[in-house]
Amino acid sequence: MTRSPHISASILNADFGRLTAEVARAADGGVDSIHLDVMDGHFVDNLTMGPVVVGAVRPATDLPFHTHLMISNPLRFAGRFADAGSDLIAFHVEADDDPAAVIAAIEDAGKQPGIALNPETPASAVHPYLDRVAMVLVMTVNPGWGGQQFIGEVVPKIAELRRELDARGRDVPVGVDGGVNLETIGQAHQAGGRVLVTGSALYSTDGDLAPTVASLRAAALGADHASEAQD
């Protein structure tokens, strides 16, 4: 089953001096959602944004906000990011808190829960939670910094999770985050990734982002068409 690619703009690589305008630029360019990377300097060796930043840029667009918590204690902050305007809140299965409790907290806040896993974490680590989440986010770089190279060895895990979700009858998207660009988006989508998070590949473009977004979509679908032609 072919699923249309969902392009999510990671503002980690945007100009933080004009962040609201950068969110609007991505929305005007035709992306499907905004991806907000939250890092605490503990779970990953970097600090980025807190709920106040999410709230500050929320008025820039009506697109869904996917807030990606790369933090050690997501249970403590889930409600704050929900109040700031996040629509989906993804946390890491490797974090310190009980995943079931984090999912419940996100649901109690009226938002969609997502679960993320690092490149070295097996797909089986998130299996107990697949019936309770609205997205599974597969990291194809080691989290912490934008602009890294796509780790191709993770691609089979994307496919494995897609098969598991399909076997359960769950039309839940698999997200792919890290190093997604014109060269890698095709294999990510063909493997079963639907929510394709793009940062540097998007924001390295000045001005109108619509041609870049269109090219990313075409590259994602191109791999599917090439595979169908071979079959």
Protein backbone atom coordinates (compact mmCIF):
# COMPACT_ATOMS: atom_id res chain seq x y z
CA MET A 1 0.00 0.00 0.00
CA THR A 2 1.52 3.31 -1.12
CA ARG A 3 1.07 6.16 1.34
CA SER A 4 1.49 9.73 0.15
CA PRO A 5 4.58 11.44 1.58
CA HIS A 6 4.02 13.88 4.42
CA ILE A 7 6.76 16.54 4.48
CA SER A 8 7.48 17.88 7.95
CA ALA A 9 9.69 20.97 8.25
CA SER A 10 12.26 20.76 11.04
CA ILE A 11 12.93 24.29 12.21
CA LEU A 12 16.16 23.21 13.92
CA ASN A 13 17.99 24.38 10.79
CA ALA A 14 15.94 27.54 10.34
CA ASP A 15 17.12 31.07 11.12
CA PHE A 16 16.35 31.37 14.84
CA GLY A 17 16.63 35.15 14.58
CA ARG A 18 13.39 35.16 12.56
CA LEU A 19 11.81 31.90 13.61
CA THR A 20 8.17 32.90 13.24
CA ALA A 21 8.83 34.00 9.66
CA GLU A 22 10.68 30.75 8.98
CA VAL A 23 7.71 28.70 10.17
CA ALA A 24 5.43 30.74 7.93
CA ARG A 25 7.86 30.31 5.01
CA ALA A 26 7.70 26.53 5.36
CA ALA A 27 3.91 26.62 5.59
CA ASP A 28 3.67 28.83 2.52
CA GLY A 29 6.00 26.39 0.73
CA GLY A 30 3.50 23.58 1.11
CA VAL A 31 4.85 21.40 3.94
CA ASP A 32 2.36 19.28 5.86
CA SER A 33 3.51 19.93 9.42
CA ILE A 34 6.12 21.72 11.51
CA HIS A 35 8.64 19.61 13.45
CA LEU A 36 10.02 21.17 16.63
CA ASP A 37 13.13 19.57 18.13
CA VAL A 38 13.34 19.98 21.89
CA MET A 39 16.69 19.10 23.49
CA ASP A 40 17.62 19.36 27.16
CA GLY A 41 21.43 19.14 27.18
CA HIS A 42 21.14 15.84 29.08
CA PHE A 43 19.41 13.26 26.90
CA VAL A 44 21.38 14.79 24.02
CA ASP A 45 24.38 17.10 24.08
CA ASN A 46 22.56 20.18 22.87
CA LEU A 47 20.00 22.73 24.06
CA THR A 48 17.31 24.10 21.79
CA MET A 49 13.84 25.36 22.68
CA GLY A 50 11.27 25.20 25.43
CA PRO A 51 7.49 25.60 25.54
CA VAL A 52 7.75 29.40 25.33
CA VAL A 53 9.32 29.14 21.87
CA VAL A 54 6.64 26.71 20.69
CA GLY A 55 4.00 29.11 21.92
CA ALA A 56 5.71 32.08 20.28
CA VAL A 57 5.70 30.54 16.79
CA ARG A 58 2.30 28.84 17.10
CA PRO A 59 0.40 31.80 15.57
CA ALA A 60 2.50 31.58 12.37
CA THR A 61 0.45 28.71 10.89
CA ASP A 62 -2.50 26.41 11.42
CA LEU A 63 -0.42 23.40 10.34
CA PRO A 64 0.05 20.61 12.89
CA PHE A 65 2.96 21.04 15.28
CA HIS A 66 4.93 17.85 15.91
CA THR A 67 7.02 18.44 19.02
CA HIS A 68 9.89 15.96 19.33
CA LEU A 69 11.07 15.69 22.93
CA MET A 70 14.71 14.61 23.02
CA ILE A 71 14.73 14.98 26.79
CA SER A 72 15.32 12.69 29.75
CA ASN A 73 12.05 13.44 31.58
CA PRO A 74 9.23 13.88 29.06
CA LEU A 75 6.60 13.19 31.72
CA ARG A 76 7.53 16.42 33.47
CA PHE A 77 7.14 18.57 30.36
CA ALA A 78 4.48 16.91 28.20
CA GLY A 79 1.67 19.06 29.59
CA ARG A 80 3.63 22.27 29.13
CA PHE A 81 4.29 21.56 25.46
CA ALA A 82 0.65 20.61 25.00
CA ASP A 83 -0.42 23.95 26.48
CA ALA A 84 2.07 25.75 24.20
CA GLY A 85 0.27 24.51 21.10
CA SER A 86 1.76 21.14 20.16
CA ASP A 87 -0.62 18.81 18.34
CA LEU A 88 1.50 15.67 18.48
CA ILE A 89 4.18 15.11 21.12
CA ALA A 90 6.79 12.45 20.41
CA PHE A 91 9.10 11.25 23.19
CA HIS A 92 11.94 8.74 23.20
CA VAL A 93 11.50 5.17 24.36
CA GLU A 94 15.06 5.47 25.71
CA ALA A 95 14.09 8.33 28.07
CA ASP A 96 14.02 7.83 31.85
CA ASP A 97 10.24 7.91 32.31
CA ASP A 98 7.83 5.00 31.90
CA PRO A 99 6.57 5.20 28.28
CA ALA A 100 3.05 4.15 29.24
CA ALA A 101 2.86 7.00 31.75
CA VAL A 102 4.12 9.52 29.21
CA ILE A 103 1.57 8.37 26.64
CA ALA A 104 -1.18 8.73 29.24
CA ALA A 105 -0.03 12.24 30.15
CA ILE A 106 -0.05 13.34 26.52
CA GLU A 107 -3.50 11.86 26.01
CA ASP A 108 -4.76 13.50 29.21
CA ALA A 109 -3.57 16.83 27.78
CA GLY A 110 -5.74 16.21 24.73
CA LYS A 111 -2.85 15.68 22.32
CA GLN A 112 -1.59 12.84 20.13
CA PRO A 113 1.31 10.76 21.51
CA GLY A 114 4.22 9.68 19.37
CA ILE A 115 7.17 7.48 20.26
CA ALA A 116 10.70 7.82 18.90
CA LEU A 117 13.67 5.50 18.87
CA ASN A 118 17.37 6.03 18.25
CA PRO A 119 19.32 4.35 15.43
CA GLU A 120 20.76 1.61 17.67
CA THR A 121 17.46 0.81 19.42
CA PRO A 122 15.67 -2.25 18.03
CA ALA A 123 12.14 -1.91 16.68
CA SER A 124 10.94 -4.37 19.32
CA ALA A 125 11.53 -1.72 22.02
CA VAL A 126 8.44 0.18 20.89
CA HIS A 127 6.23 -2.82 20.11
CA PRO A 128 4.45 -2.68 23.51
CA TYR A 129 3.24 0.85 22.73
CA LEU A 130 2.26 0.64 19.06
CA ASP A 131 -1.42 0.30 19.83
CA ARG A 132 -1.40 3.55 21.81
CA VAL A 133 0.57 6.01 19.66
CA ALA A 134 -0.29 8.19 16.68
CA MET A 135 3.19 8.08 15.15
CA VAL A 136 6.42 6.11 15.42
CA LEU A 137 9.47 8.27 14.74
CA VAL A 138 12.60 6.46 13.56
CA MET A 139 15.84 8.39 13.99
CA THR A 140 18.16 7.99 11.01
CA VAL A 141 20.89 10.06 12.71
CA ASN A 142 22.08 10.11 16.28
CA PRO A 143 19.91 12.80 17.90
CA GLY A 144 21.30 16.14 18.97
CA TRP A 145 22.37 18.06 15.90
CA GLY A 146 20.99 18.98 12.50
CA GLY A 147 22.81 18.46 9.22
CA GLN A 148 24.05 14.91 9.89
CA GLN A 149 24.32 12.16 7.30
CA PHE A 150 21.48 9.67 6.90
CA ILE A 151 22.32 6.27 8.44
CA GLY A 152 21.23 3.85 5.75
CA GLU A 153 21.54 0.83 8.02
CA VAL A 154 18.38 2.00 9.82
CA VAL A 155 16.19 1.63 6.72
CA PRO A 156 15.26 -2.03 7.40
CA LYS A 157 13.93 -0.95 10.81
CA ILE A 158 11.55 1.47 9.09
CA ALA A 159 10.22 -1.40 7.00
CA GLU A 160 10.01 -3.69 10.03
CA LEU A 161 7.89 -1.20 11.94
CA ARG A 162 5.64 -0.60 8.94
CA ARG A 163 5.03 -4.35 8.65
CA GLU A 164 4.29 -4.66 12.36
CA LEU A 165 1.80 -1.79 12.29
CA ASP A 166 0.11 -3.21 9.19
CA ALA A 167 -0.12 -6.62 10.84
CA ARG A 168 -1.95 -4.99 13.73
CA GLY A 169 -4.28 -3.18 11.34
CA ARG A 170 -2.97 0.20 12.42
CA ASP A 171 -2.70 2.95 9.83
CA VAL A 172 -0.26 4.84 12.04
CA PRO A 173 2.50 6.70 10.18
CA VAL A 174 6.15 5.86 10.57
CA GLY A 175 8.21 9.03 10.68
CA VAL A 176 11.81 9.31 9.54
CA ASP A 177 14.00 11.98 11.11
CA GLY A 178 17.61 12.75 10.24
CA GLY A 179 19.53 13.35 7.04
CA VAL A 180 16.39 13.27 4.89
CA ASN A 181 17.15 15.04 1.62
CA LEU A 182 16.70 14.60 -2.13
CA GLU A 183 19.15 11.68 -2.16
CA THR A 184 17.70 9.78 0.81
CA ILE A 185 13.99 10.61 0.94
CA GLY A 186 13.15 8.01 -1.70
CA GLN A 187 14.55 5.05 0.20
CA ALA A 188 12.98 6.31 3.45
CA HIS A 189 9.54 6.53 1.84
CA GLN A 190 9.83 3.29 -0.09
CA ALA A 191 10.71 1.47 3.14
CA GLY A 192 7.48 2.66 4.73
CA GLY A 193 8.31 6.10 6.10
CA ARG A 194 5.43 8.49 5.58
CA VAL A 195 6.23 11.51 7.79
CA LEU A 196 9.53 12.67 6.33
CA VAL A 197 11.28 15.25 8.48
CA THR A 198 13.47 17.63 6.51
CA GLY A 199 15.61 20.35 8.02
CA SER A 200 18.82 21.39 6.32
CA ALA A 201 17.55 20.07 2.98
CA LEU A 202 14.70 22.54 3.25
CA TYR A 203 16.15 25.58 4.98
CA SER A 204 19.34 25.66 2.93
CA THR A 205 17.08 27.24 0.30
CA ASP A 206 16.54 31.01 0.31
CA GLY A 207 13.19 32.56 -0.49
CA ASP A 208 10.25 30.52 -1.73
CA LEU A 209 10.38 26.96 -0.43
CA ALA A 210 7.63 25.62 -2.70
CA PRO A 211 10.04 24.32 -5.40
CA THR A 212 12.13 22.52 -2.76
CA VAL A 213 9.07 20.95 -1.15
CA ALA A 214 7.80 19.85 -4.56
CA SER A 215 11.19 18.32 -5.40
CA LEU A 216 11.27 16.42 -2.10
CA ARG A 217 7.78 15.04 -2.72
CA ALA A 218 8.71 14.01 -6.25
CA ALA A 219 11.89 12.31 -5.05
CA ALA A 220 9.93 10.40 -2.41
CA LEU A 221 7.39 9.18 -4.93
CA GLY A 222 10.01 8.58 -7.61
CA ALA A 223 11.49 5.66 -5.69
CA ASP A 224 8.04 4.06 -5.44
CA HIS A 225 7.42 4.45 -9.17
CA ALA A 226 10.85 3.03 -10.03
CA SER A 227 10.15 0.01 -7.83
CA GLU A 228 6.74 -0.53 -9.44
CA ALA A 229 8.30 -0.36 -12.91
CA GLN A 230 10.79 -3.09 -11.96
CA ASP A 231 8.00 -5.34 -10.57
